C-alpha atoms as a PDB file:
ATOM      1  CA  MET A   1     -27.013  26.220  -3.986  1.00  0.00           C
ATOM      2  CA  PHE A   2     -24.388  28.912  -4.445  1.00  0.00           C
ATOM      3  CA  LEU A   3     -20.839  27.592  -4.503  1.00  0.00           C
ATOM      4  CA  GLU A   4     -17.448  29.124  -5.235  1.00  0.00           C
ATOM      5  CA  ARG A   5     -14.143  27.269  -5.603  1.00  0.00           C
ATOM      6  CA  LYS A   6     -10.719  28.517  -6.597  1.00  0.00           C
ATOM      7  CA  LEU A   7      -9.025  26.963  -9.600  1.00  0.00           C
ATOM      8  CA  LYS A   8      -5.591  27.406 -11.122  1.00  0.00           C
ATOM      9  CA  ASP A   9      -4.038  30.867 -11.662  1.00  0.00           C
ATOM     10  CA  GLN A  10      -6.702  32.890  -9.842  1.00  0.00           C
ATOM     11  CA  SER A  11      -9.455  31.242 -11.854  1.00  0.00           C
ATOM     12  CA  VAL A  12     -12.682  30.346 -10.062  1.00  0.00           C
ATOM     13  CA  TRP A  13     -15.621  28.028 -10.410  1.00  0.00           C
ATOM     14  CA  ILE A  14     -18.996  29.435  -9.419  1.00  0.00           C
ATOM     15  CA  ASN A  15     -22.232  27.488  -9.225  1.00  0.00           C
ATOM     16  CA  ILE A  16     -25.545  29.337  -9.269  1.00  0.00           C
ATOM     17  CA  ASP A  17     -28.916  27.813  -8.436  1.00  0.00           C
ATOM     18  CA  SER A  18     -31.439  28.432 -11.199  1.00  0.00           C
ATOM     19  CA  ASP A  19     -34.117  29.137  -8.580  1.00  0.00           C
ATOM     20  CA  ASP A  20     -32.027  32.058  -7.347  1.00  0.00           C
ATOM     21  CA  VAL A  21     -31.839  33.366 -10.901  1.00  0.00           C
ATOM     22  CA  LYS A  22     -35.622  33.262 -11.163  1.00  0.00           C
ATOM     23  CA  LYS A  23     -36.018  35.198  -7.923  1.00  0.00           C
ATOM     24  CA  ASN A  24     -33.249  37.708  -8.513  1.00  0.00           C
ATOM     25  CA  ALA A  25     -32.535  38.798 -12.087  1.00  0.00           C
ATOM     26  CA  GLN A  26     -29.612  40.884 -10.864  1.00  0.00           C
ATOM     27  CA  ILE A  27     -27.505  37.749 -10.400  1.00  0.00           C
ATOM     28  CA  TYR A  28     -26.816  37.168 -14.080  1.00  0.00           C
ATOM     29  CA  GLN A  29     -25.942  40.820 -14.517  1.00  0.00           C
ATOM     30  CA  ASP A  30     -23.434  40.589 -11.670  1.00  0.00           C
ATOM     31  CA  TYR A  31     -21.698  37.702 -13.427  1.00  0.00           C
ATOM     32  CA  GLU A  32     -22.083  39.166 -16.931  1.00  0.00           C
ATOM     33  CA  ILE A  33     -24.378  36.414 -18.172  1.00  0.00           C
ATOM     34  CA  ASP A  34     -26.591  37.492 -21.053  1.00  0.00           C
ATOM     35  CA  PRO A  35     -30.365  36.838 -20.919  1.00  0.00           C
ATOM     36  CA  GLU A  36     -30.184  34.318 -23.768  1.00  0.00           C
ATOM     37  CA  THR A  37     -27.909  32.093 -21.690  1.00  0.00           C
ATOM     38  CA  ILE A  38     -30.370  32.326 -18.806  1.00  0.00           C
ATOM     39  CA  GLU A  39     -33.138  31.167 -21.121  1.00  0.00           C
ATOM     40  CA  TYR A  40     -31.010  28.157 -22.056  1.00  0.00           C
ATOM     41  CA  ALA A  41     -30.396  27.397 -18.391  1.00  0.00           C
ATOM     42  CA  LEU A  42     -34.076  27.575 -17.449  1.00  0.00           C
ATOM     43  CA  ASP A  43     -35.352  25.597 -20.431  1.00  0.00           C
ATOM     44  CA  LYS A  44     -35.654  21.916 -19.469  1.00  0.00           C
ATOM     45  CA  ASN A  45     -36.107  20.926 -23.123  1.00  0.00           C
ATOM     46  CA  GLU A  46     -32.920  22.594 -24.390  1.00  0.00           C
ATOM     47  CA  ARG A  47     -30.720  20.280 -26.440  1.00  0.00           C
ATOM     48  CA  ALA A  48     -26.972  19.939 -26.018  1.00  0.00           C
ATOM     49  CA  HIS A  49     -25.032  22.562 -27.986  1.00  0.00           C
ATOM     50  CA  MET A  50     -22.351  25.260 -27.760  1.00  0.00           C
ATOM     51  CA  ASP A  51     -22.580  29.026 -28.255  1.00  0.00           C
ATOM     52  CA  TYR A  52     -19.550  31.283 -28.699  1.00  0.00           C
ATOM     53  CA  ASN A  53     -19.662  35.054 -28.197  1.00  0.00           C
ATOM     54  CA  ARG A  54     -16.896  36.613 -30.276  1.00  0.00           C
ATOM     55  CA  GLU A  55     -17.237  40.004 -28.591  1.00  0.00           C
ATOM     56  CA  ASN A  56     -16.298  38.938 -25.059  1.00  0.00           C
ATOM     57  CA  GLY A  57     -15.000  35.405 -25.687  1.00  0.00           C
ATOM     58  CA  THR A  58     -17.697  33.785 -23.535  1.00  0.00           C
ATOM     59  CA  VAL A  59     -18.511  30.179 -24.399  1.00  0.00           C
ATOM     60  CA  VAL A  60     -21.772  28.532 -23.285  1.00  0.00           C
ATOM     61  CA  PHE A  61     -22.039  24.756 -23.162  1.00  0.00           C
ATOM     62  CA  ILE A  62     -25.395  23.023 -22.734  1.00  0.00           C
ATOM     63  CA  TYR A  63     -24.797  19.400 -21.727  1.00  0.00           C
ATOM     64  CA  ASN A  64     -27.315  16.613 -21.116  1.00  0.00           C
ATOM     65  CA  VAL A  65     -27.150  15.081 -17.646  1.00  0.00           C
ATOM     66  CA  LEU A  66     -29.158  12.216 -16.238  1.00  0.00           C
ATOM     67  CA  ASN A  67     -32.214  13.047 -14.140  1.00  0.00           C
ATOM     68  CA  LEU A  68     -31.982  10.692 -11.162  1.00  0.00           C
ATOM     69  CA  GLU A  69     -34.970  12.128  -9.270  1.00  0.00           C
ATOM     70  CA  THR A  70     -37.739  11.155 -11.660  1.00  0.00           C
ATOM     71  CA  ASP A  71     -41.340  10.416 -10.715  1.00  0.00           C
ATOM     72  CA  LYS A  72     -41.917   8.413 -13.902  1.00  0.00           C
ATOM     73  CA  ASP A  73     -41.353   4.742 -14.653  1.00  0.00           C
ATOM     74  CA  TYR A  74     -38.458   5.576 -16.949  1.00  0.00           C
ATOM     75  CA  TYR A  75     -35.361   7.790 -16.906  1.00  0.00           C
ATOM     76  CA  GLU A  76     -35.014  11.111 -18.691  1.00  0.00           C
ATOM     77  CA  THR A  77     -32.228  13.641 -19.141  1.00  0.00           C
ATOM     78  CA  ILE A  78     -32.107  17.360 -18.426  1.00  0.00           C
ATOM     79  CA  PRO A  79     -29.743  20.063 -19.686  1.00  0.00           C
ATOM     80  CA  MET A  80     -27.097  21.707 -17.534  1.00  0.00           C
ATOM     81  CA  THR A  81     -25.426  24.983 -18.423  1.00  0.00           C
ATOM     82  CA  PHE A  82     -21.660  25.599 -18.285  1.00  0.00           C
ATOM     83  CA  VAL A  83     -20.465  29.156 -18.963  1.00  0.00           C
ATOM     84  CA  VAL A  84     -16.749  29.729 -19.606  1.00  0.00           C
ATOM     85  CA  GLN A  85     -15.609  33.322 -19.186  1.00  0.00           C
ATOM     86  CA  GLN A  86     -12.188  34.874 -18.811  1.00  0.00           C
ATOM     87  CA  GLY A  87     -10.714  33.051 -15.830  1.00  0.00           C
ATOM     88  CA  ARG A  88     -14.082  31.813 -14.625  1.00  0.00           C
ATOM     89  CA  LEU A  89     -16.354  28.784 -15.008  1.00  0.00           C
ATOM     90  CA  ILE A  90     -20.003  29.266 -14.085  1.00  0.00           C
ATOM     91  CA  THR A  91     -22.458  26.405 -13.776  1.00  0.00           C
ATOM     92  CA  ILE A  92     -26.205  26.928 -13.462  1.00  0.00           C
ATOM     93  CA  SER A  93     -27.841  23.998 -11.698  1.00  0.00           C
ATOM     94  CA  ASN A  94     -31.167  22.991 -10.160  1.00  0.00           C
ATOM     95  CA  GLN A  95     -32.399  20.347  -7.746  1.00  0.00           C
ATOM     96  CA  ASP A  96     -32.531  17.703 -10.502  1.00  0.00           C
ATOM     97  CA  ASN A  97     -28.863  17.984 -11.481  1.00  0.00           C
ATOM     98  CA  ALA A  98     -27.414  19.105  -8.144  1.00  0.00           C
ATOM     99  CA  TYR A  99     -25.609  15.761  -7.872  1.00  0.00           C
ATOM    100  CA  VAL A 100     -23.340  16.883 -10.727  1.00  0.00           C
ATOM    101  CA  VAL A 101     -22.290  19.888  -8.661  1.00  0.00           C
ATOM    102  CA  ASP A 102     -21.441  17.534  -5.784  1.00  0.00           C
ATOM    103  CA  MET A 103     -19.257  15.425  -8.091  1.00  0.00           C
ATOM    104  CA  MET A 104     -17.498  18.558  -9.352  1.00  0.00           C
ATOM    105  CA  ARG A 105     -16.941  19.777  -5.789  1.00  0.00           C
ATOM    106  CA  LYS A 106     -15.409  16.434  -4.776  1.00  0.00           C
ATOM    107  CA  TYR A 107     -13.181  16.586  -7.856  1.00  0.00           C
ATOM    108  CA  THR A 108     -11.770  19.951  -6.760  1.00  0.00           C
ATOM    109  CA  GLU A 109     -11.126  18.547  -3.288  1.00  0.00           C
ATOM    110  CA  LYS A 110      -9.227  15.489  -4.536  1.00  0.00           C
ATOM    111  CA  HIS A 111      -7.172  17.140  -7.290  1.00  0.00           C
ATOM    112  CA  GLU A 112      -4.684  19.954  -7.436  1.00  0.00           C
ATOM    113  CA  PRO A 113      -5.888  23.302  -8.800  1.00  0.00           C
ATOM    114  CA  VAL A 114      -6.654  22.926 -12.496  1.00  0.00           C
ATOM    115  CA  SER A 115      -7.396  25.322 -15.315  1.00  0.00           C
ATOM    116  CA  VAL A 116     -10.934  26.252 -16.307  1.00  0.00           C
ATOM    117  CA  TYR A 117     -11.063  24.086 -19.426  1.00  0.00           C
ATOM    118  CA  LYS A 118      -9.437  21.085 -17.758  1.00  0.00           C
ATOM    119  CA  PHE A 119     -12.029  21.319 -14.988  1.00  0.00           C
ATOM    120  CA  LEU A 120     -14.796  21.727 -17.565  1.00  0.00           C
ATOM    121  CA  PHE A 121     -13.789  18.635 -19.552  1.00  0.00           C
ATOM    122  CA  ALA A 122     -13.243  16.660 -16.342  1.00  0.00           C
ATOM    123  CA  SER A 123     -16.771  17.622 -15.293  1.00  0.00           C
ATOM    124  CA  LEU A 124     -18.181  16.490 -18.636  1.00  0.00           C
ATOM    125  CA  GLU A 125     -16.376  13.193 -18.194  1.00  0.00           C
ATOM    126  CA  LEU A 126     -17.938  12.839 -14.737  1.00  0.00           C
ATOM    127  CA  VAL A 127     -21.357  13.440 -16.271  1.00  0.00           C
ATOM    128  CA  SER A 128     -20.785  10.651 -18.790  1.00  0.00           C
ATOM    129  CA  ASN A 129     -19.598   8.309 -16.043  1.00  0.00           C
ATOM    130  CA  SER A 130     -22.754   9.008 -14.021  1.00  0.00           C
ATOM    131  CA  TYR A 131     -24.801   7.293 -16.761  1.00  0.00           C
ATOM    132  CA  TYR A 132     -23.070   3.927 -16.416  1.00  0.00           C
ATOM    133  CA  PRO A 133     -24.502   2.708 -13.071  1.00  0.00           C
ATOM    134  CA  ILE A 134     -28.041   3.415 -14.296  1.00  0.00           C
ATOM    135  CA  ILE A 135     -27.431   1.780 -17.673  1.00  0.00           C
ATOM    136  CA  GLU A 136     -25.903  -1.296 -16.027  1.00  0.00           C
ATOM    137  CA  ARG A 137     -28.902  -1.512 -13.716  1.00  0.00           C
ATOM    138  CA  MET A 138     -31.232  -1.256 -16.703  1.00  0.00           C
ATOM    139  CA  ASP A 139     -29.249  -3.955 -18.500  1.00  0.00           C
ATOM    140  CA  LYS A 140     -29.707  -6.327 -15.538  1.00  0.00           C
ATOM    141  CA  ARG A 141     -33.383  -5.424 -15.390  1.00  0.00           C
ATOM    142  CA  LYS A 142     -33.631  -6.234 -19.097  1.00  0.00           C
ATOM    143  CA  ASP A 143     -32.244  -9.723 -18.513  1.00  0.00           C
ATOM    144  CA  GLU A 144     -34.610 -10.254 -15.597  1.00  0.00           C
ATOM    145  CA  ILE A 145     -37.667  -9.178 -17.593  1.00  0.00           C
ATOM    146  CA  ASN A 146     -36.592 -11.373 -20.483  1.00  0.00           C
ATOM    147  CA  ARG A 147     -36.363 -14.361 -18.130  1.00  0.00           C
ATOM    148  CA  LEU A 148     -39.819 -13.628 -16.703  1.00  0.00           C
ATOM    149  CA  LEU A 149     -41.350 -13.177 -20.148  1.00  0.00           C
ATOM    150  CA  ARG A 150     -39.978 -16.541 -21.237  1.00  0.00           C
ATOM    151  CA  GLN A 151     -41.876 -18.113 -18.361  1.00  0.00           C
ATOM    152  CA  THR A 152     -45.136 -16.230 -18.871  1.00  0.00           C
ATOM    153  CA  THR A 153     -45.878 -13.363 -21.246  1.00  0.00           C
ATOM    154  CA  THR A 154     -47.964 -10.970 -19.153  1.00  0.00           C
ATOM    155  CA  LYS A 155     -49.027  -7.387 -19.685  1.00  0.00           C
ATOM    156  CA  ARG A 156     -47.111  -6.237 -16.604  1.00  0.00           C
ATOM    157  CA  TYR A 157     -43.757  -7.497 -17.875  1.00  0.00           C
ATOM    158  CA  LEU A 158     -44.429  -6.092 -21.334  1.00  0.00           C
ATOM    159  CA  PHE A 159     -45.065  -2.676 -19.760  1.00  0.00           C
ATOM    160  CA  ASP A 160     -41.766  -2.982 -17.851  1.00  0.00           C
ATOM    161  CA  LEU A 161     -39.992  -3.785 -21.107  1.00  0.00           C
ATOM    162  CA  SER A 162     -41.658  -0.780 -22.734  1.00  0.00           C
ATOM    163  CA  ASP A 163     -40.453   1.505 -19.904  1.00  0.00           C
ATOM    164  CA  LEU A 164     -36.898   0.274 -20.440  1.00  0.00           C
ATOM    165  CA  GLU A 165     -37.194   0.992 -24.154  1.00  0.00           C
ATOM    166  CA  THR A 166     -38.450   4.514 -23.439  1.00  0.00           C
ATOM    167  CA  SER A 167     -35.568   5.172 -21.044  1.00  0.00           C
ATOM    168  CA  MET A 168     -33.010   3.987 -23.580  1.00  0.00           C
ATOM    169  CA  VAL A 169     -34.500   6.219 -26.280  1.00  0.00           C
ATOM    170  CA  TYR A 170     -33.975   9.283 -24.060  1.00  0.00           C
ATOM    171  CA  LEU A 171     -30.517   8.204 -22.903  1.00  0.00           C
ATOM    172  CA  LEU A 172     -29.318   7.333 -26.397  1.00  0.00           C
ATOM    173  CA  ALA A 173     -30.529  10.646 -27.824  1.00  0.00           C
ATOM    174  CA  ALA A 174     -28.848  12.556 -24.981  1.00  0.00           C
ATOM    175  CA  ALA A 175     -25.596  10.621 -25.347  1.00  0.00           C
ATOM    176  CA  LYS A 176     -25.474  11.292 -29.092  1.00  0.00           C
ATOM    177  CA  GLN A 177     -26.083  15.013 -28.552  1.00  0.00           C
ATOM    178  CA  ASN A 178     -23.282  15.160 -25.964  1.00  0.00           C
ATOM    179  CA  ARG A 179     -20.904  13.410 -28.338  1.00  0.00           C
ATOM    180  CA  MET A 180     -21.819  15.811 -31.140  1.00  0.00           C
ATOM    181  CA  LEU A 181     -21.147  18.739 -28.812  1.00  0.00           C
ATOM    182  CA  LEU A 182     -17.637  17.477 -28.046  1.00  0.00           C
ATOM    183  CA  GLU A 183     -16.992  16.841 -31.724  1.00  0.00           C
ATOM    184  CA  HIS A 184     -18.074  20.416 -32.422  1.00  0.00           C
ATOM    185  CA  ILE A 185     -15.616  21.672 -29.799  1.00  0.00           C
ATOM    186  CA  LYS A 186     -12.800  19.787 -31.527  1.00  0.00           C
ATOM    187  CA  SER A 187     -13.533  21.561 -34.792  1.00  0.00           C
ATOM    188  CA  HIS A 188     -13.849  24.968 -33.113  1.00  0.00           C
ATOM    189  CA  ALA A 189     -11.140  27.601 -32.738  1.00  0.00           C
ATOM    190  CA  ILE A 190     -11.111  27.303 -28.940  1.00  0.00           C
ATOM    191  CA  TYR A 191      -9.756  23.756 -29.246  1.00  0.00           C
ATOM    192  CA  ARG A 192      -6.559  25.071 -30.819  1.00  0.00           C
ATOM    193  CA  GLN A 193      -6.081  27.353 -27.805  1.00  0.00           C
ATOM    194  CA  LEU A 194      -5.985  24.478 -25.317  1.00  0.00           C
ATOM    195  CA  ASP A 195      -2.711  23.377 -23.793  1.00  0.00           C
ATOM    196  CA  GLU A 196      -1.490  19.775 -23.724  1.00  0.00           C
ATOM    197  CA  VAL A 197      -3.092  18.943 -20.356  1.00  0.00           C
ATOM    198  CA  GLU A 198      -6.445  20.383 -21.404  1.00  0.00           C
ATOM    199  CA  MET A 199      -6.354  18.507 -24.715  1.00  0.00           C
ATOM    200  CA  GLU A 200      -5.596  15.274 -22.887  1.00  0.00           C
ATOM    201  CA  GLN A 201      -8.554  15.833 -20.579  1.00  0.00           C
ATOM    202  CA  PHE A 202     -10.730  16.670 -23.574  1.00  0.00           C
ATOM    203  CA  GLU A 203      -9.773  13.384 -25.250  1.00  0.00           C
ATOM    204  CA  ASP A 204     -10.701  11.514 -22.070  1.00  0.00           C
ATOM    205  CA  ALA A 205     -14.111  13.196 -22.077  1.00  0.00           C
ATOM    206  CA  MET A 206     -14.521  12.367 -25.780  1.00  0.00           C
ATOM    207  CA  ILE A 207     -13.651   8.695 -25.188  1.00  0.00           C
ATOM    208  CA  GLU A 208     -16.234   8.429 -22.413  1.00  0.00           C
ATOM    209  CA  ALA A 209     -18.869  10.160 -24.540  1.00  0.00           C
ATOM    210  CA  ARG A 210     -18.282   7.785 -27.459  1.00  0.00           C
ATOM    211  CA  GLN A 211     -18.261   4.760 -25.194  1.00  0.00           C
ATOM    212  CA  LEU A 212     -21.543   5.900 -23.656  1.00  0.00           C
ATOM    213  CA  VAL A 213     -23.131   6.163 -27.097  1.00  0.00           C
ATOM    214  CA  SER A 214     -21.909   2.684 -28.040  1.00  0.00           C
ATOM    215  CA  MET A 215     -23.176   1.169 -24.793  1.00  0.00           C
ATOM    216  CA  THR A 216     -26.620   2.789 -24.913  1.00  0.00           C
ATOM    217  CA  ASP A 217     -26.997   2.042 -28.614  1.00  0.00           C
ATOM    218  CA  LEU A 218     -26.238  -1.651 -28.081  1.00  0.00           C
ATOM    219  CA  ILE A 219     -28.716  -2.024 -25.221  1.00  0.00           C
ATOM    220  CA  ALA A 220     -31.340  -0.041 -27.149  1.00  0.00           C
ATOM    221  CA  GLN A 221     -30.968  -2.409 -30.110  1.00  0.00           C
ATOM    222  CA  VAL A 222     -31.282  -5.453 -27.846  1.00  0.00           C
ATOM    223  CA  LEU A 223     -34.397  -4.014 -26.215  1.00  0.00           C
ATOM    224  CA  GLY A 224     -35.890  -3.277 -29.614  1.00  0.00           C
ATOM    225  CA  GLN A 225     -35.155  -6.824 -30.741  1.00  0.00           C
ATOM    226  CA  LEU A 226     -36.713  -8.281 -27.587  1.00  0.00           C
ATOM    227  CA  SER A 227     -39.807  -6.140 -27.998  1.00  0.00           C
ATOM    228  CA  ALA A 228     -40.180  -7.150 -31.642  1.00  0.00           C
ATOM    229  CA  SER A 229     -39.693 -10.826 -30.754  1.00  0.00           C
ATOM    230  CA  TYR A 230     -42.371 -10.819 -28.082  1.00  0.00           C
ATOM    231  CA  ASN A 231     -44.729  -8.925 -30.374  1.00  0.00           C
ATOM    232  CA  ASN A 232     -44.224 -11.670 -32.959  1.00  0.00           C
ATOM    233  CA  ILE A 233     -44.846 -14.306 -30.282  1.00  0.00           C
ATOM    234  CA  LEU A 234     -48.079 -12.609 -29.229  1.00  0.00           C
ATOM    235  CA  ASN A 235     -49.202 -12.312 -32.839  1.00  0.00           C
ATOM    236  CA  ASN A 236     -48.384 -15.970 -33.420  1.00  0.00           C
ATOM    237  CA  ASN A 237     -50.349 -16.971 -30.310  1.00  0.00           C
ATOM    238  CA  LEU A 238     -53.269 -14.899 -31.529  1.00  0.00           C
ATOM    239  CA  ASN A 239     -53.161 -16.618 -34.913  1.00  0.00           C
ATOM    240  CA  ASN A 240     -53.073 -20.027 -33.217  1.00  0.00           C
ATOM    241  CA  ASN A 241     -56.059 -19.122 -31.047  1.00  0.00           C
ATOM    242  CA  LEU A 242     -58.003 -17.942 -34.074  1.00  0.00           C
ATOM    243  CA  SER A 243     -57.120 -21.167 -35.890  1.00  0.00           C
ATOM    244  CA  ASN A 244     -58.326 -23.241 -32.940  1.00  0.00           C
ATOM    245  CA  LEU A 245     -61.561 -21.261 -32.763  1.00  0.00           C
ATOM    246  CA  THR A 246     -62.085 -21.782 -36.491  1.00  0.00           C
ATOM    247  CA  ILE A 247     -61.574 -25.543 -36.103  1.00  0.00           C
ATOM    248  CA  ILE A 248     -64.047 -25.665 -33.215  1.00  0.00           C
ATOM    249  CA  GLU A 249     -66.547 -23.667 -35.264  1.00  0.00           C
ATOM    250  CA  VAL A 250     -66.241 -26.097 -38.188  1.00  0.00           C
ATOM    251  CA  LEU A 251     -66.623 -29.118 -35.886  1.00  0.00           C
ATOM    252  CA  LEU A 252     -69.704 -27.622 -34.290  1.00  0.00           C
ATOM    253  CA  GLY A 253     -71.041 -26.991 -37.775  1.00  0.00           C
ATOM    254  CA  VAL A 254     -70.722 -30.729 -38.551  1.00  0.00           C
ATOM    255  CA  LEU A 255     -72.749 -31.563 -35.443  1.00  0.00           C
ATOM    256  CA  ALA A 256     -75.370 -29.011 -36.443  1.00  0.00           C
ATOM    257  CA  VAL A 257     -75.664 -30.549 -39.931  1.00  0.00           C
ATOM    258  CA  ILE A 258     -76.033 -34.095 -38.596  1.00  0.00           C
ATOM    259  CA  THR A 259     -78.552 -33.222 -35.882  1.00  0.00           C
ATOM    260  CA  GLY A 260     -80.438 -31.022 -38.298  1.00  0.00           C
ATOM    261  CA  PHE A 261     -80.593 -33.837 -40.835  1.00  0.00           C
ATOM    262  CA  PHE A 262     -82.015 -36.331 -38.376  1.00  0.00           C
ATOM    263  CA  GLY A 263     -84.338 -33.722 -36.970  1.00  0.00           C
ATOM    264  CA  MET A 264     -86.323 -33.435 -40.214  1.00  0.00           C
ATOM    265  CA  ASN A 265     -89.937 -34.573 -40.086  1.00  0.00           C
ATOM    266  CA  VAL A 266     -89.564 -37.139 -42.938  1.00  0.00           C
ATOM    267  CA  PRO A 267     -88.826 -40.877 -43.059  1.00  0.00           C
ATOM    268  CA  LEU A 268     -85.156 -41.404 -42.136  1.00  0.00           C
ATOM    269  CA  PRO A 269     -82.848 -44.378 -41.486  1.00  0.00           C
ATOM    270  CA  TRP A 270     -83.125 -45.903 -37.996  1.00  0.00           C
ATOM    271  CA  ILE A 271     -86.424 -44.116 -37.426  1.00  0.00           C
ATOM    272  CA  ASN A 272     -87.750 -47.125 -35.531  1.00  0.00           C
ATOM    273  CA  GLU A 273     -84.440 -48.031 -33.918  1.00  0.00           C
ATOM    274  CA  LYS A 274     -84.405 -47.562 -30.128  1.00  0.00           C
ATOM    275  CA  ASN A 275     -80.652 -46.874 -29.940  1.00  0.00           C
ATOM    276  CA  ALA A 276     -80.471 -44.686 -33.055  1.00  0.00           C
ATOM    277  CA  TRP A 277     -79.231 -41.693 -31.015  1.00  0.00           C
ATOM    278  CA  LEU A 278     -76.227 -43.738 -29.917  1.00  0.00           C
ATOM    279  CA  PHE A 279     -75.334 -44.594 -33.519  1.00  0.00           C
ATOM    280  CA  ILE A 280     -75.674 -40.937 -34.504  1.00  0.00           C
ATOM    281  CA  CYS A 281     -73.365 -39.859 -31.656  1.00  0.00           C
ATOM    282  CA  VAL A 282     -70.732 -42.438 -32.601  1.00  0.00           C
ATOM    283  CA  ILE A 283     -70.849 -41.400 -36.270  1.00  0.00           C
ATOM    284  CA  SER A 284     -70.639 -37.724 -35.306  1.00  0.00           C
ATOM    285  CA  LEU A 285     -67.668 -38.391 -33.039  1.00  0.00           C
ATOM    286  CA  PHE A 286     -65.939 -40.399 -35.770  1.00  0.00           C
ATOM    287  CA  LEU A 287     -66.487 -37.589 -38.305  1.00  0.00           C
ATOM    288  CA  TRP A 288     -65.241 -35.068 -35.721  1.00  0.00           C
ATOM    289  CA  ILE A 289     -61.971 -36.949 -35.242  1.00  0.00           C
ATOM    290  CA  ILE A 290     -61.360 -37.321 -38.982  1.00  0.00           C
ATOM    291  CA  LEU A 291     -62.239 -33.702 -39.759  1.00  0.00           C
ATOM    292  CA  ALA A 292     -60.196 -32.397 -36.802  1.00  0.00           C
ATOM    293  CA  ARG A 293     -57.112 -34.269 -38.014  1.00  0.00           C
ATOM    294  CA  ILE A 294     -57.577 -32.987 -41.545  1.00  0.00           C
ATOM    295  CA  LEU A 295     -57.926 -29.384 -40.333  1.00  0.00           C
ATOM    296  CA  ARG A 296     -54.897 -29.745 -38.020  1.00  0.00           C
ATOM    297  CA  TRP A 297     -52.854 -31.102 -40.895  1.00  0.00           C
ATOM    298  CA  ILE A 298     -53.874 -28.149 -43.070  1.00  0.00           C
ATOM    299  CA  VAL A 299     -52.997 -25.627 -40.306  1.00  0.00           C
ATOM    300  CA  HIS A 300     -49.571 -27.171 -39.570  1.00  0.00           C
ATOM    301  CA  LYS A 301     -48.785 -27.463 -43.265  1.00  0.00           C
ATOM    302  CA  ARG A 302     -49.236 -23.735 -43.654  1.00  0.00           C
END
């Protein structure tokens, strides 16, 4: 959707829908946006970074935002483009990150007119804050899956745990890229041109970006530890099952030896005894019990 809002000192914020850019190439020429920036805006795999044009002073920020409308079993992030020109902030959005535009619009309605950079850094802070409800929901889901896996380790719950791990990998990578972008801004010449209010807003955005990295990193480590633990449990259960099968195989081998011995067509003990089969069964059972205990002791000793 196209949106225009006035900011401080005749500055404006303009939002352009990327679909409109695809249909009408004249739009980026009207707003003096170079084709390279358009390529960034239309590329869903673009990483977070900053480009500075020394000739006209235009600064392009690519920032990772959370994709809430996903058709997959895990969350991903998508880039959003912020273009800072002389007295103008341009955002290029699409249907997947349109909620960010709504948050920015509400910010302009609730606050007094602000400068371009203060509004930019406030918007980046809003983007970071939008991660927290999803991460908190994933954290609760992690605890729930852990509780269910403790009761019964099923393939379904393991797949759910894997989806959470995949989501956290994407979110952690995006959060780290956003933090690196802000750190790059702080070392850039444009940072020294900011006034006190803009610097304060930048620090707020930096704090949120760092906190987001810490939070996602912690949950990602916990998920990795849980996954490794349950993999070890499954491997241990597999080893126990193989040990039990080996014991059963050995015990059946004893029965085969005994029955094979008494099945030979030669004179044998109890050949004329009516209840010889009963004696053989009792002896076999006795040997089974002794051998089973010996094998169990060997397995547990290891």
